[in-house]
Amino acid sequence: MNAPDYHGREAAPTDLEPRVFLGGRVTLYPGDCMDALASLPENSIDSAVMDPPYHLTSIVDRFGKDGAAEAKSGRTGAFKRASAGFMGKAWDGGDIAFQIETWRQVLRVLKPGGYILAFASTRGFWRMSVAIEDAGFITHPLIAWVFGSGFPKATRLKADGYDGWRYGGQALKPAIEPIYMGQKPFSEKTGTANVLKHGTGAVNIDGCRVPTDETITATRSIALGSSGAGVFGAAKVPGVYEQKEGGRWPANLIHDGSDEVVAAFPQTESGTGAIKRDTGADRNGNTGVAYGCESRPAGTEMIGYGDAGNASRFFYSAKADADDRIGSRHPTVKPVDLMRYLVRLVTPPGGTVLDCFAGTGTTGEAAWREGFNAVLIEREPEYQADIAERMRLCLSGTDEKKREIIKRRGLVDENAGPLFGSVK
């Protein structure tokens, strides 16, 4: 008999052979992630991009184990549903994403300076983040994935005077998933030296810029003169500057372009203009160009430059498509465009991306389409089959892919996953 896995059930065999797809570019390790990680060489992976279990259903530990007494439905059926796991999937139970040892193994296989991006729920993000950091990663600011298709799960309060009140762990409509961003420490003294030695340690800013058609109006400081003591004056000169080729600097906010999300951003009428000061003096009464005085007479009309539109255009948008699901029943399939952006951000040219919780293989497809290699690990046989199908469809024509996806969609629950079961 195999040893129990992290859900307390009998684990899958550990001697399953890896499967190779797309001309050797994508490798799938079937089985438990800890076993597969232990078989990978140290410092062999360039980046890690993954969507671990969110562990939203602790009740699985009480009622979902094999041989456990069946959970009673009660008045609402909530306990019985929860005992089956998130969206009916028992694998969301346990705490594999909260275990320090999980991330120590990821740290071991990453090259020095390699980045990790890991999705989490807003409830469990802090526990996963602490575990990753305690494993030895350097924590960077999180990336927020904002979407409009989440749906609440709230229970109506049946009491006089409480019309419109609800309670429950997800009473508000979910609209954000945080993505942990961290980095394995450098082995070299500087980032440049680390990148030159290992190829890892930097993010691809220009490759992930957000294209816009705007023109920027800004000010720049021009030194008026200098002496042995340094610069003794500077003038702020307004000017019109073209947008950086490729677009805006990427931000740690990504959205799905849905109407709900776009509506939350302000509407801008024009680009930022230079600000005319009412006075050219500082608090001590000093005047002159060094203290902000402009050459234009006071009262000169401000001229705005730039484009107009919704401010959501300043952030990368990865729209979810039903085709991303490839007919799978997996509850949390992410858009391929989103995963392509993330792997492109943190993976060096020709690098290898690791996904320990591969699901339907979206990370593998994203890595392949971006010119990278991928190492996938997936324990559930159902999703291993989904990965094989996704890899096959990567090489099929558009018409064949559409036909296969339509055929497989007949098996899919319309509410399977917050990105695709929209509730207005």
Protein backbone atom coordinates (compact mmCIF):
# COMPACT_ATOMS: atom_id res chain seq x y z
CA MET A 1 0.00 0.00 0.00
CA ASN A 2 1.23 3.51 -0.77
CA ALA A 3 1.81 6.06 1.98
CA PRO A 4 -1.07 8.46 2.74
CA ASP A 5 -0.98 11.72 0.83
CA TYR A 6 -1.58 15.18 2.28
CA HIS A 7 -5.37 14.56 2.33
CA GLY A 8 -4.98 11.42 4.43
CA ARG A 9 -5.89 9.19 1.47
CA GLU A 10 -3.78 6.57 -0.20
CA ALA A 11 -1.32 8.29 -2.48
CA ALA A 12 -0.99 7.62 -6.19
CA PRO A 13 1.93 5.41 -7.27
CA THR A 14 5.24 7.29 -7.40
CA ASP A 15 6.82 5.25 -10.21
CA LEU A 16 4.73 6.74 -13.02
CA GLU A 17 6.86 7.73 -15.97
CA PRO A 18 6.91 11.40 -17.02
CA ARG A 19 5.03 12.20 -20.23
CA VAL A 20 6.53 14.47 -22.85
CA PHE A 21 4.56 16.74 -25.18
CA LEU A 22 5.13 19.32 -27.92
CA GLY A 23 8.44 17.98 -29.13
CA GLY A 24 9.92 17.69 -25.66
CA ARG A 25 9.09 21.26 -24.67
CA VAL A 26 6.54 20.26 -22.00
CA THR A 27 7.09 17.47 -19.49
CA LEU A 28 4.31 16.19 -17.23
CA TYR A 29 5.14 14.35 -14.00
CA PRO A 30 2.02 12.43 -12.90
CA GLY A 31 1.75 11.95 -9.16
CA ASP A 32 2.30 13.82 -5.93
CA CYS A 33 4.18 17.10 -6.26
CA MET A 34 6.54 16.40 -3.35
CA ASP A 35 7.70 13.16 -4.95
CA ALA A 36 8.16 14.80 -8.34
CA LEU A 37 10.01 17.81 -6.90
CA ALA A 38 12.40 15.50 -5.06
CA SER A 39 13.35 13.92 -8.39
CA LEU A 40 14.28 17.24 -10.04
CA PRO A 41 17.89 18.48 -9.95
CA GLU A 42 18.85 21.40 -7.74
CA ASN A 43 19.08 24.81 -9.47
CA SER A 44 17.52 23.46 -12.68
CA ILE A 45 14.37 25.61 -13.08
CA ASP A 46 14.24 29.24 -14.26
CA SER A 47 10.83 30.30 -12.89
CA ALA A 48 7.84 28.89 -11.01
CA VAL A 49 4.30 29.96 -12.01
CA MET A 50 1.43 28.04 -10.46
CA ASP A 51 -2.09 28.00 -9.06
CA PRO A 52 -1.97 25.91 -5.84
CA PRO A 53 -5.05 24.61 -4.00
CA TYR A 54 -6.72 27.42 -2.08
CA HIS A 55 -7.73 25.22 0.88
CA LEU A 56 -11.09 26.92 1.35
CA THR A 57 -12.79 23.79 2.72
CA SER A 58 -11.33 22.82 6.08
CA ILE A 59 -14.52 20.83 6.70
CA VAL A 60 -13.09 18.22 4.32
CA ASP A 61 -10.74 17.21 7.13
CA ARG A 62 -13.74 16.47 9.34
CA PHE A 63 -16.20 14.86 6.96
CA GLY A 64 -14.47 14.26 3.62
CA LYS A 65 -12.00 11.51 4.51
CA ASP A 66 -12.51 7.97 3.32
CA GLY A 67 -14.57 6.09 5.89
CA ALA A 68 -15.74 9.23 7.68
CA ALA A 69 -19.37 9.57 8.69
CA GLU A 70 -21.43 11.26 6.02
CA ALA A 71 -22.06 14.96 6.62
CA LYS A 72 -25.69 15.85 7.20
CA SER A 73 -27.35 18.23 4.81
CA GLY A 74 -29.03 20.38 7.42
CA ARG A 75 -31.45 23.10 6.36
CA THR A 76 -29.31 24.47 3.52
CA GLY A 77 -27.10 21.54 2.52
CA ALA A 78 -23.99 23.67 3.10
CA PHE A 79 -22.16 21.12 5.24
CA LYS A 80 -22.71 18.31 2.77
CA ARG A 81 -21.49 20.45 -0.12
CA ALA A 82 -18.44 21.63 1.82
CA SER A 83 -17.47 18.12 2.84
CA ALA A 84 -17.07 17.33 -0.86
CA GLY A 85 -14.48 20.11 -1.22
CA PHE A 86 -14.31 23.36 -3.15
CA MET A 87 -16.63 23.09 -6.17
CA GLY A 88 -17.03 19.41 -5.24
CA LYS A 89 -13.29 18.72 -5.48
CA ALA A 90 -11.78 17.07 -2.38
CA TRP A 91 -8.23 17.90 -3.47
CA ASP A 92 -8.75 21.46 -2.23
CA GLY A 93 -8.67 20.16 1.34
CA GLY A 94 -5.48 19.72 3.31
CA ASP A 95 -2.73 22.33 3.58
CA ILE A 96 -0.06 21.55 0.98
CA ALA A 97 0.14 25.24 -0.05
CA PHE A 98 0.57 26.27 3.58
CA GLN A 99 3.45 23.89 4.31
CA ILE A 100 6.93 25.39 4.42
CA GLU A 101 8.47 22.16 3.10
CA THR A 102 6.48 22.45 -0.14
CA TRP A 103 8.13 25.74 -0.94
CA ARG A 104 11.56 24.63 0.29
CA GLN A 105 11.48 22.03 -2.47
CA VAL A 106 10.48 24.67 -5.01
CA LEU A 107 13.29 26.89 -3.74
CA ARG A 108 15.77 24.02 -4.09
CA VAL A 109 15.04 23.41 -7.78
CA LEU A 110 14.91 27.09 -8.76
CA LYS A 111 18.09 28.75 -9.97
CA PRO A 112 19.42 31.61 -7.79
CA GLY A 113 17.43 34.74 -8.54
CA GLY A 114 14.53 32.74 -9.99
CA TYR A 115 11.04 34.13 -9.44
CA ILE A 116 7.93 32.44 -8.13
CA LEU A 117 4.35 33.54 -8.89
CA ALA A 118 1.62 31.68 -7.00
CA PHE A 119 -2.12 32.38 -7.01
CA ALA A 120 -4.10 32.21 -3.77
CA SER A 121 -7.50 33.08 -2.37
CA THR A 122 -7.91 36.33 -0.48
CA ARG A 123 -8.59 34.27 2.65
CA GLY A 124 -5.57 31.99 2.41
CA PHE A 125 -3.04 34.32 0.79
CA TRP A 126 -1.41 35.35 4.05
CA ARG A 127 -0.85 31.75 5.19
CA MET A 128 0.68 30.73 1.87
CA SER A 129 2.81 33.88 1.73
CA VAL A 130 4.27 33.28 5.18
CA ALA A 131 5.07 29.67 4.31
CA ILE A 132 6.82 30.70 1.07
CA GLU A 133 8.80 33.41 2.82
CA ASP A 134 9.74 31.09 5.70
CA ALA A 135 11.03 28.62 3.10
CA GLY A 136 13.67 31.18 2.12
CA PHE A 137 12.10 33.29 -0.63
CA ILE A 138 12.36 37.09 -0.77
CA THR A 139 8.83 38.52 -0.88
CA HIS A 140 7.98 41.13 -3.52
CA PRO A 141 4.76 43.18 -3.74
CA LEU A 142 1.82 40.99 -4.73
CA ILE A 143 0.14 41.11 -8.13
CA ALA A 144 -3.63 41.61 -8.07
CA TRP A 145 -5.70 39.72 -10.67
CA VAL A 146 -9.05 41.57 -10.82
CA PHE A 147 -12.06 40.04 -12.54
CA GLY A 148 -15.78 40.64 -12.82
CA SER A 149 -17.10 37.08 -13.01
CA GLY A 150 -16.92 35.99 -9.38
CA PHE A 151 -20.07 34.95 -7.58
CA PRO A 152 -21.02 35.28 -3.89
CA LYS A 153 -22.13 32.40 -1.69
CA ALA A 154 -24.21 33.96 1.04
CA THR A 155 -27.06 32.79 3.25
CA ARG A 156 -30.09 35.04 3.66
CA LEU A 157 -30.67 36.22 7.22
CA LYS A 158 -34.24 35.19 8.08
CA ALA A 159 -35.18 37.57 10.85
CA ASP A 160 -37.48 40.56 11.19
CA GLY A 161 -35.72 43.83 10.45
CA TYR A 162 -32.84 42.24 8.52
CA ASP A 163 -34.11 42.31 4.96
CA GLY A 164 -31.17 42.40 2.57
CA TRP A 165 -28.67 41.06 5.09
CA ARG A 166 -26.56 37.96 4.37
CA TYR A 167 -23.92 35.95 6.17
CA GLY A 168 -21.26 33.45 5.20
CA GLY A 169 -17.57 33.18 4.38
CA GLN A 170 -18.08 34.60 0.89
CA ALA A 171 -20.94 37.03 1.39
CA LEU A 172 -19.30 39.64 -0.84
CA LYS A 173 -18.86 39.03 -4.55
CA PRO A 174 -15.21 37.98 -5.06
CA ALA A 175 -13.43 40.13 -7.61
CA ILE A 176 -9.73 39.68 -6.88
CA GLU A 177 -7.20 36.90 -6.61
CA PRO A 178 -3.80 37.85 -5.17
CA ILE A 179 -0.68 36.42 -6.77
CA TYR A 180 2.31 35.98 -4.51
CA MET A 181 5.54 37.22 -6.10
CA GLY A 182 8.85 36.15 -4.62
CA GLN A 183 12.43 35.44 -5.58
CA LYS A 184 15.16 33.01 -4.63
CA PRO A 185 18.14 34.97 -3.22
CA PHE A 186 21.06 35.70 -5.54
CA SER A 187 24.17 33.58 -5.31
CA GLU A 188 26.28 36.48 -6.59
CA LYS A 189 26.97 39.92 -5.12
CA THR A 190 24.90 41.85 -7.66
CA GLY A 191 21.84 41.24 -9.76
CA THR A 192 23.79 41.76 -12.96
CA ALA A 193 26.41 39.19 -11.94
CA ASN A 194 23.67 36.74 -10.97
CA VAL A 195 21.87 37.11 -14.31
CA LEU A 196 25.09 36.71 -16.24
CA LYS A 197 25.89 33.50 -14.34
CA HIS A 198 22.47 31.83 -14.08
CA GLY A 199 20.26 33.73 -16.54
CA THR A 200 17.80 34.45 -13.73
CA GLY A 201 17.20 37.37 -11.40
CA ALA A 202 15.42 40.06 -13.44
CA VAL A 203 11.91 40.69 -14.76
CA ASN A 204 11.09 41.38 -18.41
CA ILE A 205 9.78 44.95 -18.17
CA ASP A 206 9.86 45.88 -21.86
CA GLY A 207 8.36 42.53 -22.85
CA CYS A 208 5.36 43.17 -20.60
CA ARG A 209 4.66 46.86 -21.20
CA VAL A 210 1.03 47.89 -21.64
CA PRO A 211 0.53 49.48 -25.10
CA THR A 212 -1.35 52.78 -25.26
CA ASP A 213 -1.67 55.55 -27.86
CA GLU A 214 -1.35 58.37 -25.36
CA THR A 215 1.12 61.25 -25.45
CA ILE A 216 2.65 62.22 -22.13
CA THR A 217 2.89 65.84 -20.94
CA ALA A 218 5.45 66.13 -18.17
CA THR A 219 8.11 68.36 -16.66
CA ARG A 220 11.81 67.79 -16.39
CA SER A 221 14.48 69.52 -14.33
CA ILE A 222 17.39 71.25 -16.07
CA ALA A 223 20.45 72.25 -14.04
CA LEU A 224 21.26 75.96 -14.24
CA GLY A 225 24.88 75.68 -13.18
CA SER A 226 27.26 73.98 -10.82
CA SER A 227 30.27 74.59 -8.66
CA GLY A 228 32.57 72.57 -6.48
CA ALA A 229 29.75 72.39 -3.96
CA GLY A 230 27.39 70.86 -6.52
CA VAL A 231 24.37 72.00 -8.54
CA PHE A 232 23.08 75.38 -7.28
CA GLY A 233 19.90 75.72 -9.28
CA ALA A 234 17.46 73.88 -11.52
CA ALA A 235 14.57 74.87 -13.74
CA LYS A 236 11.48 72.75 -14.32
CA VAL A 237 10.64 72.81 -18.02
CA PRO A 238 7.26 71.54 -19.23
CA GLY A 239 7.22 69.56 -22.44
CA VAL A 240 5.35 66.99 -24.49
CA TYR A 241 6.97 63.58 -24.72
CA GLU A 242 5.96 60.55 -26.72
CA GLN A 243 5.00 57.40 -24.87
CA LYS A 244 7.78 54.88 -24.34
CA GLU A 245 7.87 52.48 -27.28
CA GLY A 246 5.92 49.40 -26.29
CA GLY A 247 3.69 51.20 -23.80
CA ARG A 248 3.47 51.87 -20.09
CA TRP A 249 5.56 50.28 -17.37
CA PRO A 250 3.81 47.09 -16.21
CA ALA A 251 1.98 47.39 -12.89
CA ASN A 252 1.15 44.89 -10.17
CA LEU A 253 -2.51 45.02 -11.20
CA ILE A 254 -3.99 42.94 -14.02
CA HIS A 255 -7.66 42.86 -14.97
CA ASP A 256 -9.96 40.86 -17.21
CA GLY A 257 -11.39 43.72 -19.26
CA SER A 258 -14.95 42.91 -18.19
CA ASP A 259 -17.57 45.66 -18.09
CA GLU A 260 -17.79 45.43 -14.30
CA VAL A 261 -14.06 45.93 -13.82
CA VAL A 262 -13.61 48.63 -16.45
CA ALA A 263 -16.49 50.61 -14.92
CA ALA A 264 -14.59 50.75 -11.62
CA PHE A 265 -11.79 52.81 -13.19
CA PRO A 266 -12.15 56.60 -13.62
CA GLN A 267 -12.72 58.22 -17.00
CA THR A 268 -9.89 60.55 -18.02
CA GLU A 269 -10.50 63.41 -20.44
CA SER A 270 -6.88 64.06 -21.37
CA GLY A 271 -3.33 63.24 -20.42
CA THR A 272 -1.63 64.93 -17.48
CA GLY A 273 -0.64 68.54 -18.08
CA ALA A 274 2.10 70.58 -16.44
CA ILE A 275 0.84 72.41 -13.33
CA LYS A 276 1.12 76.22 -13.28
CA ARG A 277 2.20 77.49 -9.87
CA ASP A 278 0.42 80.53 -8.43
CA THR A 279 3.72 81.85 -7.13
CA GLY A 280 7.35 81.34 -7.92
CA ALA A 281 8.49 81.72 -4.32
CA ASP A 282 9.32 79.16 -1.67
CA ARG A 283 8.32 79.40 1.97
CA ASN A 284 11.34 81.56 2.73
CA GLY A 285 10.56 84.15 0.09
CA ASN A 286 13.18 83.06 -2.41
CA THR A 287 12.17 83.54 -6.04
CA GLY A 288 13.44 82.60 -9.48
CA VAL A 289 13.49 79.63 -11.78
CA ALA A 290 15.37 77.55 -9.21
CA TYR A 291 12.33 77.84 -6.93
CA GLY A 292 9.64 76.93 -9.40
CA CYS A 293 8.95 80.19 -11.21
CA GLU A 294 7.86 79.55 -14.81
CA SER A 295 8.56 81.70 -17.83
CA ARG A 296 4.86 81.94 -18.69
CA PRO A 297 2.92 84.84 -17.25
CA ALA A 298 0.56 84.01 -14.42
CA GLY A 299 -2.87 83.09 -15.71
CA THR A 300 -1.62 81.49 -18.93
CA GLU A 301 -4.16 78.86 -20.01
CA MET A 302 -3.05 75.29 -19.41
CA ILE A 303 -2.92 73.04 -22.47
CA GLY A 304 -3.66 69.34 -21.97
CA TYR A 305 -1.97 66.68 -24.05
CA GLY A 306 -2.61 63.00 -24.34
CA ASP A 307 -5.45 60.65 -25.12
CA ALA A 308 -8.77 60.29 -23.35
CA GLY A 309 -10.54 57.22 -22.12
CA ASN A 310 -10.97 54.82 -19.25
CA ALA A 311 -7.98 54.51 -16.92
CA SER A 312 -8.18 50.71 -17.14
CA ARG A 313 -6.20 51.06 -20.39
CA PHE A 314 -3.08 51.71 -18.30
CA PHE A 315 -3.08 48.12 -16.98
CA TYR A 316 -2.65 44.81 -18.73
CA SER A 317 -5.94 43.11 -19.59
CA ALA A 318 -6.18 39.32 -19.94
CA LYS A 319 -9.69 38.42 -21.00
CA ALA A 320 -11.09 35.04 -20.01
CA ASP A 321 -12.36 32.94 -22.90
CA ALA A 322 -14.54 29.86 -22.56
CA ASP A 323 -12.06 28.16 -24.90
CA ASP A 324 -9.45 28.42 -22.12
CA ARG A 325 -11.30 25.66 -20.33
CA ILE A 326 -10.95 23.14 -23.24
CA GLY A 327 -14.05 21.41 -21.93
CA SER A 328 -12.49 20.55 -18.56
CA ARG A 329 -14.41 20.27 -15.30
CA HIS A 330 -11.55 21.88 -13.38
CA PRO A 331 -13.08 24.66 -11.22
CA THR A 332 -10.34 27.30 -11.45
CA VAL A 333 -8.99 27.37 -15.00
CA LYS A 334 -7.04 30.59 -15.67
CA PRO A 335 -6.99 32.43 -19.02
CA VAL A 336 -4.11 31.40 -21.26
CA ASP A 337 -3.40 35.08 -22.03
CA LEU A 338 -2.99 35.77 -18.31
CA MET A 339 -0.57 32.87 -17.86
CA ARG A 340 1.38 33.87 -20.98
CA TYR A 341 1.86 37.36 -19.54
CA LEU A 342 3.02 36.00 -16.18
CA VAL A 343 5.50 33.47 -17.56
CA ARG A 344 6.85 36.11 -19.94
CA LEU A 345 7.35 38.52 -17.04
CA VAL A 346 9.58 36.25 -14.93
CA THR A 347 11.16 33.71 -17.30
CA PRO A 348 14.43 34.37 -19.17
CA PRO A 349 14.64 33.60 -22.92
CA GLY A 350 14.59 29.84 -23.54
CA GLY A 351 13.96 29.19 -19.84
CA THR A 352 11.97 26.46 -18.11
CA VAL A 353 8.82 27.17 -16.10
CA LEU A 354 7.70 24.95 -13.19
CA ASP A 355 4.06 24.38 -12.25
CA CYS A 356 3.62 22.00 -9.29
CA PHE A 357 -0.20 22.07 -9.48
CA ALA A 358 -0.72 21.95 -13.22
CA GLY A 359 -4.49 21.40 -13.36
CA THR A 360 -5.45 21.47 -17.04
CA GLY A 361 -1.95 22.51 -18.15
CA THR A 362 -2.60 26.20 -18.87
CA THR A 363 0.87 27.13 -17.65
CA GLY A 364 2.38 24.53 -19.98
CA GLU A 365 0.53 25.89 -23.00
CA ALA A 366 1.41 29.46 -22.03
CA ALA A 367 5.10 28.60 -21.66
CA TRP A 368 5.16 26.79 -25.00
CA ARG A 369 3.47 29.66 -26.84
CA GLU A 370 5.97 32.12 -25.33
CA GLY A 371 8.96 30.04 -26.46
CA PHE A 372 9.75 28.51 -23.06
CA ASN A 373 9.87 24.95 -21.77
CA ALA A 374 7.66 23.71 -18.94
CA VAL A 375 7.78 21.11 -16.19
CA LEU A 376 4.27 20.25 -14.99
CA ILE A 377 3.24 18.15 -11.99
CA GLU A 378 -0.34 16.92 -11.58
CA ARG A 379 -1.67 14.22 -9.29
CA GLU A 380 -5.30 13.88 -10.40
CA PRO A 381 -5.76 11.45 -13.35
CA GLU A 382 -8.74 13.47 -14.60
CA TYR A 383 -6.59 16.55 -15.06
CA GLN A 384 -3.66 14.59 -16.45
CA ALA A 385 -6.02 13.66 -19.28
CA ASP A 386 -6.99 17.32 -19.66
CA ILE A 387 -3.33 18.27 -19.95
CA ALA A 388 -2.76 15.67 -22.67
CA GLU A 389 -5.76 17.00 -24.57
CA ARG A 390 -4.62 20.61 -24.20
CA MET A 391 -1.16 19.73 -25.50
CA ARG A 392 -2.69 17.93 -28.48
CA LEU A 393 -4.93 20.87 -29.31
CA CYS A 394 -1.92 23.22 -29.22
CA LEU A 395 -0.79 21.65 -32.49
CA SER A 396 -4.21 21.32 -34.09
CA GLY A 397 -5.76 23.79 -36.50
CA THR A 398 -8.16 26.44 -35.29
CA ASP A 399 -11.22 24.67 -36.72
CA GLU A 400 -10.32 21.33 -35.16
CA LYS A 401 -9.67 22.97 -31.80
CA LYS A 402 -13.06 24.70 -31.89
CA ARG A 403 -14.84 21.45 -32.77
CA GLU A 404 -13.16 19.52 -29.98
CA ILE A 405 -13.83 22.21 -27.38
CA ILE A 406 -17.50 22.43 -28.36
CA LYS A 407 -17.80 18.66 -28.12
CA ARG A 408 -16.18 18.58 -24.68
CA ARG A 409 -18.21 21.50 -23.34
CA GLY A 410 -21.21 19.23 -23.07
CA LEU A 411 -19.54 17.71 -20.01
CA VAL A 412 -18.97 21.01 -18.21
CA ASP A 413 -21.00 22.40 -15.33
CA GLU A 414 -21.87 26.00 -16.22
CA ASN A 415 -20.97 27.08 -12.67
CA ALA A 416 -17.56 25.38 -12.71
CA GLY A 417 -15.25 28.16 -11.74
CA PRO A 418 -15.42 31.85 -10.75
CA LEU A 419 -13.88 33.06 -14.01
CA PHE A 420 -16.60 31.56 -16.15
CA GLY A 421 -19.78 31.48 -14.07
CA SER A 422 -20.56 35.18 -14.08
CA VAL A 423 -23.07 36.67 -11.66
CA LYS A 424 -24.04 40.28 -12.24
